[in-house]
Amino acid sequence: MKRLIVREPRKLSPAELRDIRSLVKTMCANYNKTYNCCALLDDYGCYMLSKQLADRKLCKYFENAVLPLNSELERVLVYCALRNTKPCAVCSRKFTLKGRQIYCSPKCKKKGMRIKERDKKRKQRLDKG
């Protein structure tokens, strides 16, 4: 199941960091305790252990296999982020709300305005004749 993670950057609380570290060290199959690194990243340390901000992407294995073991942490990292999102009126991509905006980017806004103007002109032509 593919999840879209869209959220404003925020600093993780010490309890959330502690929970992430304990999950990685106890439940992650890719974590090598001897060398304190990730088997998938070869000689590099696991970046889930050094997380500070919640805007970084989660390790795919951690997100799909380890994170569901702690439902409260999963809710904080994944589902609460989706609360303030809305699909774009043009491309249907989810984005974080800022006021009353309905488009995710200036490019979609321009395209949406063209569509709206086209429909308005079409309606005017039909009403005229």
Protein backbone atom coordinates (compact mmCIF):
# COMPACT_ATOMS: atom_id res chain seq x y z
CA MET A 1 0.00 0.00 0.00
CA LYS A 2 1.55 3.27 -1.11
CA ARG A 3 1.19 6.19 1.27
CA LEU A 4 1.64 9.81 0.44
CA ILE A 5 3.46 11.71 3.13
CA VAL A 6 2.97 15.43 2.87
CA ARG A 7 3.62 17.57 5.92
CA GLU A 8 5.14 20.74 7.17
CA PRO A 9 8.61 20.23 8.66
CA ARG A 10 8.58 19.99 12.41
CA LYS A 11 10.98 18.88 15.06
CA LEU A 12 10.26 15.42 16.44
CA SER A 13 9.70 15.18 20.17
CA PRO A 14 12.23 13.29 22.31
CA ALA A 15 9.65 10.56 22.94
CA GLU A 16 9.07 10.10 19.19
CA LEU A 17 12.81 9.93 18.55
CA ARG A 18 13.21 7.40 21.34
CA ASP A 19 10.40 5.26 19.90
CA ILE A 20 11.91 5.37 16.41
CA ARG A 21 15.34 4.36 17.71
CA SER A 22 13.97 1.51 19.81
CA LEU A 23 11.92 0.18 16.88
CA VAL A 24 14.93 0.28 14.57
CA LYS A 25 17.25 -1.39 17.06
CA THR A 26 14.82 -4.13 18.12
CA MET A 27 12.56 -4.84 15.14
CA CYS A 28 14.31 -3.78 11.92
CA ALA A 29 15.69 -6.79 10.05
CA ASN A 30 18.13 -4.61 8.08
CA TYR A 31 19.79 -3.09 11.15
CA ASN A 32 23.22 -4.57 11.98
CA LYS A 33 23.79 -4.24 15.74
CA THR A 34 27.50 -5.05 15.52
CA TYR A 35 28.36 -2.24 13.12
CA ASN A 36 25.44 0.08 13.96
CA CYS A 37 24.51 0.39 10.28
CA CYS A 38 21.84 -0.55 7.78
CA ALA A 39 22.37 -3.64 5.63
CA LEU A 40 20.65 -1.94 2.69
CA LEU A 41 22.94 1.10 2.85
CA ASP A 42 26.13 -0.97 3.18
CA ASP A 43 28.64 0.91 5.37
CA TYR A 44 26.47 3.94 6.10
CA GLY A 45 24.62 4.32 9.36
CA CYS A 46 20.85 3.97 9.44
CA TYR A 47 19.39 7.41 8.75
CA MET A 48 16.31 6.55 10.80
CA LEU A 49 18.53 6.71 13.90
CA SER A 50 19.69 10.24 13.11
CA LYS A 51 16.31 11.77 12.25
CA GLN A 52 15.64 15.23 13.62
CA LEU A 53 12.90 16.71 11.44
CA ALA A 54 9.71 15.00 10.39
CA ASP A 55 9.97 16.34 6.81
CA ARG A 56 12.52 13.74 5.73
CA LYS A 57 11.30 10.67 3.93
CA LEU A 58 10.99 7.48 5.92
CA CYS A 59 12.96 4.37 5.05
CA LYS A 60 10.59 2.29 2.91
CA TYR A 61 11.27 -0.91 4.86
CA PHE A 62 10.79 0.92 8.16
CA GLU A 63 7.54 2.50 6.95
CA ASN A 64 6.02 -0.72 5.60
CA ALA A 65 7.28 -3.40 7.98
CA VAL A 66 8.39 -1.84 11.27
CA LEU A 67 6.27 1.28 11.80
CA PRO A 68 2.90 -0.58 11.89
CA LEU A 69 4.12 -2.29 15.08
CA ASN A 70 3.74 1.02 16.94
CA SER A 71 0.34 2.35 15.92
CA GLU A 72 0.62 5.59 17.92
CA LEU A 73 3.93 6.54 16.27
CA GLU A 74 2.54 5.55 12.86
CA ARG A 75 -0.46 7.83 13.43
CA VAL A 76 1.83 10.73 14.35
CA LEU A 77 4.27 10.26 11.45
CA VAL A 78 1.86 9.30 8.68
CA TYR A 79 -1.84 9.86 9.27
CA CYS A 80 -1.81 13.18 11.17
CA ALA A 81 0.16 14.65 8.31
CA LEU A 82 -2.71 13.93 5.92
CA ARG A 83 -5.26 15.85 8.00
CA ASN A 84 -4.43 19.28 6.52
CA THR A 85 -4.16 18.12 2.92
CA LYS A 86 -6.47 18.58 -0.01
CA PRO A 87 -6.37 17.32 -3.62
CA CYS A 88 -5.47 19.87 -6.27
CA ALA A 89 -8.40 20.90 -8.50
CA VAL A 90 -6.34 20.29 -11.66
CA CYS A 91 -3.90 17.42 -11.10
CA SER A 92 -5.51 15.78 -7.99
CA ARG A 93 -2.15 15.66 -6.19
CA LYS A 94 -2.49 16.18 -2.43
CA PHE A 95 -0.92 19.30 -0.94
CA THR A 96 -0.81 21.07 2.42
CA LEU A 97 -3.45 23.75 2.77
CA LYS A 98 -2.46 27.40 3.12
CA GLY A 99 -5.59 29.49 3.52
CA ARG A 100 -8.26 28.87 0.89
CA GLN A 101 -6.05 27.79 -2.00
CA ILE A 102 -7.34 25.11 -4.36
CA TYR A 103 -4.25 24.60 -6.55
CA CYS A 104 -1.01 22.91 -5.50
CA SER A 105 1.37 25.08 -7.56
CA PRO A 106 1.43 28.22 -9.72
CA LYS A 107 1.57 25.99 -12.81
CA CYS A 108 -1.69 24.25 -11.80
CA LYS A 109 -3.22 27.62 -10.90
CA LYS A 110 -2.48 28.95 -14.38
CA LYS A 111 -3.91 25.82 -15.98
CA GLY A 112 -7.00 25.96 -13.73
CA MET A 113 -7.64 29.60 -14.58
CA ARG A 114 -7.42 28.81 -18.30
CA ILE A 115 -9.95 25.99 -17.88
CA LYS A 116 -12.28 28.22 -15.87
CA GLU A 117 -12.01 31.04 -18.44
CA ARG A 118 -12.60 28.60 -21.31
CA ASP A 119 -15.77 27.25 -19.67
CA LYS A 120 -17.00 30.79 -18.99
CA LYS A 121 -16.53 31.81 -22.64
CA ARG A 122 -18.20 28.62 -23.83
CA LYS A 123 -21.23 29.32 -21.64
CA GLN A 124 -21.40 32.92 -22.92
CA ARG A 125 -21.41 31.72 -26.54
CA LEU A 126 -24.20 29.23 -25.82
CA ASP A 127 -26.33 31.87 -24.08
CA LYS A 128 -25.84 34.34 -26.94
CA GLY A 129 -27.02 32.31 -29.81
